Amino acid sequence: MRIIIAGGGQLAHYLIETLVNHNEDYEITLIELVEDVGARIASRFEEVKVLQADGTDIRVLQDADCMQADYYIAVTGKDEDNLVGCHIAKTVFSVRNTVAHVNNPVNLELFQLLNVDLFYSRAVLLADMIKQDIAQEGMRVIFNIPNQKTNILEVELSPSSAAVGKTLAQYVFPGQTRVALLIHADDTSEVPTGSSIMQAGDKLLLIASDDDYDEIYDNIVARRH
């Protein structure tokens, strides 16, 4: 697999180290404008080809065989360079996957508008982690669906919930919430149907909007005395 990485900072260093340690057949080219930064990567990873150049320069990308690349990954400290690099890689060289780090979350919409395949902001990822760390006992986010308000929750059915003893068809869940899997207290599980009966202690995997978290917790999870 051929991978081109634009930007040789610490993030690129960790990425290359991770890829190399996987012992996969990766052919990695790093493009870095600052000579000392590129030299550090070259001295650390002999298997990486390092070009001292601008990762948004079409001639440089030609020299890097960008037309044959499976991934163009932009991790410079400048969002404008990451955006332009990904756009050129996709539109000029038809790279299958373009990936970009977005330094300023305000710019995320621009990366979406220009159809960068995968983009992320470490600041947003950290904020999402904090947001997903639901403090209520018996309820947690187990998967965040990118760019959506919908997530997958795991909730434990409270003995005092009105859902106990009801079938899925009988109980009205908040909003557009849907049950993806029903895990019983004896560790057996079932793909839910309308006739599936919910019991105290069951765990439900729910596809739900974050707008409905509070209502889900209050009506399904919370222990009421």
Protein backbone atom coordinates (compact mmCIF):
# COMPACT_ATOMS: atom_id res chain seq x y z
CA MET A 1 0.00 0.00 0.00
CA ARG A 2 1.40 3.39 -1.02
CA ILE A 3 0.94 6.23 1.50
CA ILE A 4 1.94 9.87 1.10
CA ILE A 5 2.12 11.99 4.25
CA ALA A 6 2.36 15.78 4.01
CA GLY A 7 3.84 17.33 7.14
CA GLY A 8 6.58 15.89 9.33
CA GLY A 9 5.62 16.99 12.81
CA GLN A 10 5.07 14.86 15.88
CA LEU A 11 1.73 13.56 14.63
CA ALA A 12 3.35 12.30 11.43
CA HIS A 13 6.16 10.73 13.47
CA TYR A 14 3.68 8.76 15.60
CA LEU A 15 1.66 7.76 12.56
CA ILE A 16 4.72 6.45 10.71
CA GLU A 17 5.93 4.63 13.80
CA THR A 18 2.55 2.95 14.19
CA LEU A 19 2.39 1.92 10.54
CA VAL A 20 5.94 0.59 10.51
CA ASN A 21 5.39 -1.39 13.72
CA HIS A 22 2.41 -3.15 12.14
CA ASN A 23 4.87 -4.91 9.82
CA GLU A 24 2.55 -4.45 6.87
CA ASP A 25 3.70 -3.84 3.31
CA TYR A 26 3.48 -0.04 3.42
CA GLU A 27 5.40 2.19 1.04
CA ILE A 28 5.53 5.55 2.79
CA THR A 29 6.65 8.88 1.37
CA LEU A 30 6.90 11.93 3.63
CA ILE A 31 6.81 15.44 2.18
CA GLU A 32 8.15 18.08 4.55
CA LEU A 33 9.31 21.59 3.70
CA VAL A 34 11.62 22.13 6.69
CA GLU A 35 14.89 20.27 6.17
CA ASP A 36 15.64 19.51 9.84
CA VAL A 37 12.17 18.11 10.45
CA GLY A 38 12.35 15.81 7.46
CA ALA A 39 15.87 14.75 8.37
CA ARG A 40 14.70 13.56 11.78
CA ILE A 41 12.11 11.33 10.16
CA ALA A 42 14.64 10.03 7.63
CA SER A 43 17.16 9.16 10.34
CA ARG A 44 14.53 7.41 12.45
CA PHE A 45 12.80 5.47 9.68
CA GLU A 46 15.12 4.23 6.95
CA GLU A 47 12.22 2.67 5.05
CA VAL A 48 10.49 6.05 4.58
CA LYS A 49 11.25 8.15 1.52
CA VAL A 50 11.53 11.80 2.54
CA LEU A 51 11.12 14.72 0.14
CA GLN A 52 12.04 18.24 1.26
CA ALA A 53 9.29 20.10 -0.52
CA ASP A 54 5.79 21.56 -0.39
CA GLY A 55 3.09 18.89 -0.13
CA THR A 56 0.70 21.06 -2.16
CA ASP A 57 3.05 21.40 -5.16
CA ILE A 58 1.74 19.39 -8.11
CA ARG A 59 5.25 18.73 -9.45
CA VAL A 60 6.33 17.42 -6.06
CA LEU A 61 3.31 15.14 -5.89
CA GLN A 62 4.18 13.84 -9.36
CA ASP A 63 7.70 13.04 -8.12
CA ALA A 64 6.14 11.24 -5.16
CA ASP A 65 4.07 9.06 -7.55
CA CYS A 66 0.87 10.46 -6.11
CA MET A 67 -1.09 8.96 -9.00
CA GLN A 68 -0.27 5.53 -7.56
CA ALA A 69 -1.01 6.43 -3.94
CA ASP A 70 -3.72 4.73 -1.92
CA TYR A 71 -3.68 7.45 0.75
CA TYR A 72 -2.74 11.11 0.86
CA ILE A 73 -2.59 12.15 4.51
CA ALA A 74 -2.20 15.85 5.37
CA VAL A 75 -1.05 16.58 8.92
CA THR A 76 0.70 19.94 8.64
CA GLY A 77 0.06 22.72 11.13
CA LYS A 78 -1.78 24.78 8.53
CA ASP A 79 -5.36 23.93 7.65
CA GLU A 80 -5.14 25.70 4.31
CA ASP A 81 -2.22 23.47 3.25
CA ASN A 82 -4.00 20.33 4.45
CA LEU A 83 -7.15 21.31 2.55
CA VAL A 84 -5.39 22.26 -0.68
CA GLY A 85 -3.16 19.18 -0.57
CA CYS A 86 -6.12 16.84 -0.19
CA HIS A 87 -8.05 18.63 -2.93
CA ILE A 88 -5.15 18.35 -5.40
CA ALA A 89 -4.53 14.72 -4.50
CA LYS A 90 -8.17 13.87 -5.15
CA THR A 91 -8.93 15.99 -8.21
CA VAL A 92 -5.59 15.92 -10.04
CA PHE A 93 -4.17 12.54 -9.04
CA SER A 94 -7.38 10.62 -8.22
CA VAL A 95 -6.02 9.36 -4.91
CA ARG A 96 -8.53 6.90 -3.48
CA ASN A 97 -8.42 8.16 0.11
CA THR A 98 -7.60 11.65 1.33
CA VAL A 99 -7.20 12.25 5.06
CA ALA A 100 -6.62 15.52 6.88
CA HIS A 101 -6.05 16.76 10.38
CA VAL A 102 -8.02 19.97 11.02
CA ASN A 103 -6.21 22.20 13.48
CA ASN A 104 -9.02 24.70 13.93
CA PRO A 105 -12.49 23.09 14.35
CA VAL A 106 -14.05 26.15 12.70
CA ASN A 107 -12.65 24.87 9.39
CA LEU A 108 -14.29 21.44 9.53
CA GLU A 109 -17.11 22.51 7.21
CA LEU A 110 -14.63 23.54 4.52
CA PHE A 111 -13.08 20.08 4.48
CA GLN A 112 -16.55 18.59 4.14
CA LEU A 113 -17.49 20.95 1.32
CA LEU A 114 -14.37 20.03 -0.64
CA ASN A 115 -15.07 16.32 -0.18
CA VAL A 116 -12.02 15.32 1.81
CA ASP A 117 -12.67 11.62 2.49
CA LEU A 118 -11.74 11.63 6.17
CA PHE A 119 -11.00 14.63 8.34
CA TYR A 120 -10.82 15.09 12.06
CA SER A 121 -9.93 17.59 14.75
CA ARG A 122 -8.17 16.45 17.91
CA ALA A 123 -9.96 19.21 19.81
CA VAL A 124 -13.36 17.95 18.65
CA LEU A 125 -12.42 14.33 19.36
CA LEU A 126 -11.49 15.25 22.90
CA ALA A 127 -14.69 17.24 23.37
CA ASP A 128 -16.71 14.29 22.05
CA MET A 129 -14.98 11.96 24.49
CA ILE A 130 -15.95 14.23 27.35
CA LYS A 131 -19.49 14.57 26.02
CA GLN A 132 -19.84 10.80 25.66
CA ASP A 133 -18.65 10.14 29.20
CA ILE A 134 -22.19 9.97 30.48
CA ALA A 135 -22.03 10.08 34.26
CA GLN A 136 -25.29 8.25 34.93
CA GLU A 137 -24.82 4.71 36.16
CA GLY A 138 -26.26 2.14 33.78
CA MET A 139 -25.92 4.11 30.56
CA ARG A 140 -22.96 4.71 28.26
CA VAL A 141 -22.15 5.58 24.66
CA ILE A 142 -20.38 2.66 23.02
CA PHE A 143 -20.12 4.04 19.50
CA ASN A 144 -20.25 7.54 18.09
CA ILE A 145 -21.43 7.73 14.49
CA PRO A 146 -19.24 10.36 12.75
CA ASN A 147 -20.91 13.61 11.71
CA GLN A 148 -24.24 12.50 13.16
CA LYS A 149 -26.25 13.24 16.28
CA THR A 150 -27.13 9.54 16.39
CA ASN A 151 -25.04 7.18 18.53
CA ILE A 152 -25.22 3.66 19.90
CA LEU A 153 -25.98 3.47 23.62
CA GLU A 154 -25.81 0.60 26.05
CA VAL A 155 -28.43 0.93 28.79
CA GLU A 156 -29.42 -1.33 31.66
CA LEU A 157 -33.13 -1.70 32.30
CA SER A 158 -34.13 -0.49 35.76
CA PRO A 159 -36.53 -2.68 37.80
CA SER A 160 -38.70 0.40 38.24
CA SER A 161 -38.90 1.22 34.53
CA ALA A 162 -42.28 1.15 32.86
CA ALA A 163 -40.64 -0.89 30.10
CA VAL A 164 -40.18 -3.93 32.35
CA GLY A 165 -42.48 -6.79 31.29
CA LYS A 166 -43.50 -5.09 28.06
CA THR A 167 -42.73 -6.16 24.53
CA LEU A 168 -40.79 -3.82 22.28
CA ALA A 169 -43.97 -3.27 20.28
CA GLN A 170 -45.85 -2.15 23.40
CA TYR A 171 -43.27 0.28 24.74
CA VAL A 172 -42.81 3.71 23.16
CA PHE A 173 -39.14 4.75 23.18
CA PRO A 174 -38.15 8.44 23.12
CA GLY A 175 -37.90 10.13 19.72
CA GLN A 176 -36.67 7.85 16.95
CA THR A 177 -34.83 5.49 19.31
CA ARG A 178 -34.53 1.92 18.04
CA VAL A 179 -33.35 -1.25 19.79
CA ALA A 180 -30.46 -2.97 17.97
CA LEU A 181 -29.79 -5.82 20.41
CA LEU A 182 -31.33 -7.19 23.59
CA ILE A 183 -28.95 -8.80 26.12
CA HIS A 184 -30.66 -10.61 28.99
CA ALA A 185 -29.43 -10.83 32.56
CA ASP A 186 -28.41 -14.48 31.99
CA ASP A 187 -26.04 -13.28 29.22
CA THR A 188 -28.18 -14.66 26.41
CA SER A 189 -28.97 -12.22 23.64
CA GLU A 190 -31.49 -11.87 20.86
CA VAL A 191 -32.02 -9.79 17.80
CA PRO A 192 -35.08 -7.82 18.88
CA THR A 193 -38.52 -8.23 17.37
CA GLY A 194 -41.79 -6.62 18.30
CA SER A 195 -42.62 -9.57 20.55
CA SER A 196 -39.34 -9.45 22.53
CA ILE A 197 -40.08 -8.93 26.21
CA MET A 198 -37.89 -6.61 28.29
CA GLN A 199 -36.99 -7.63 31.84
CA ALA A 200 -35.24 -5.89 34.73
CA GLY A 201 -31.48 -6.13 34.38
CA ASP A 202 -31.58 -6.56 30.61
CA LYS A 203 -29.10 -4.52 28.62
CA LEU A 204 -30.33 -2.84 25.48
CA LEU A 205 -28.19 -1.53 22.65
CA LEU A 206 -30.05 1.52 21.41
CA ILE A 207 -29.60 3.61 18.30
CA ALA A 208 -30.53 7.02 19.64
CA SER A 209 -30.09 10.75 19.17
CA ASP A 210 -28.16 12.65 21.82
CA ASP A 211 -31.24 14.87 22.14
CA ASP A 212 -33.03 11.91 23.75
CA TYR A 213 -30.35 10.89 26.29
CA ASP A 214 -32.01 12.50 29.29
CA GLU A 215 -35.41 11.01 28.54
CA ILE A 216 -33.89 7.58 27.94
CA TYR A 217 -32.10 7.76 31.25
CA ASP A 218 -35.12 9.00 33.19
CA ASN A 219 -37.57 6.48 31.71
CA ILE A 220 -35.45 3.37 31.24
CA VAL A 221 -32.31 3.49 33.37
CA ALA A 222 -32.76 5.62 36.48
CA ARG A 223 -33.45 3.80 39.72
CA ARG A 224 -36.55 5.31 41.26
CA HIS A 225 -37.50 4.53 44.84
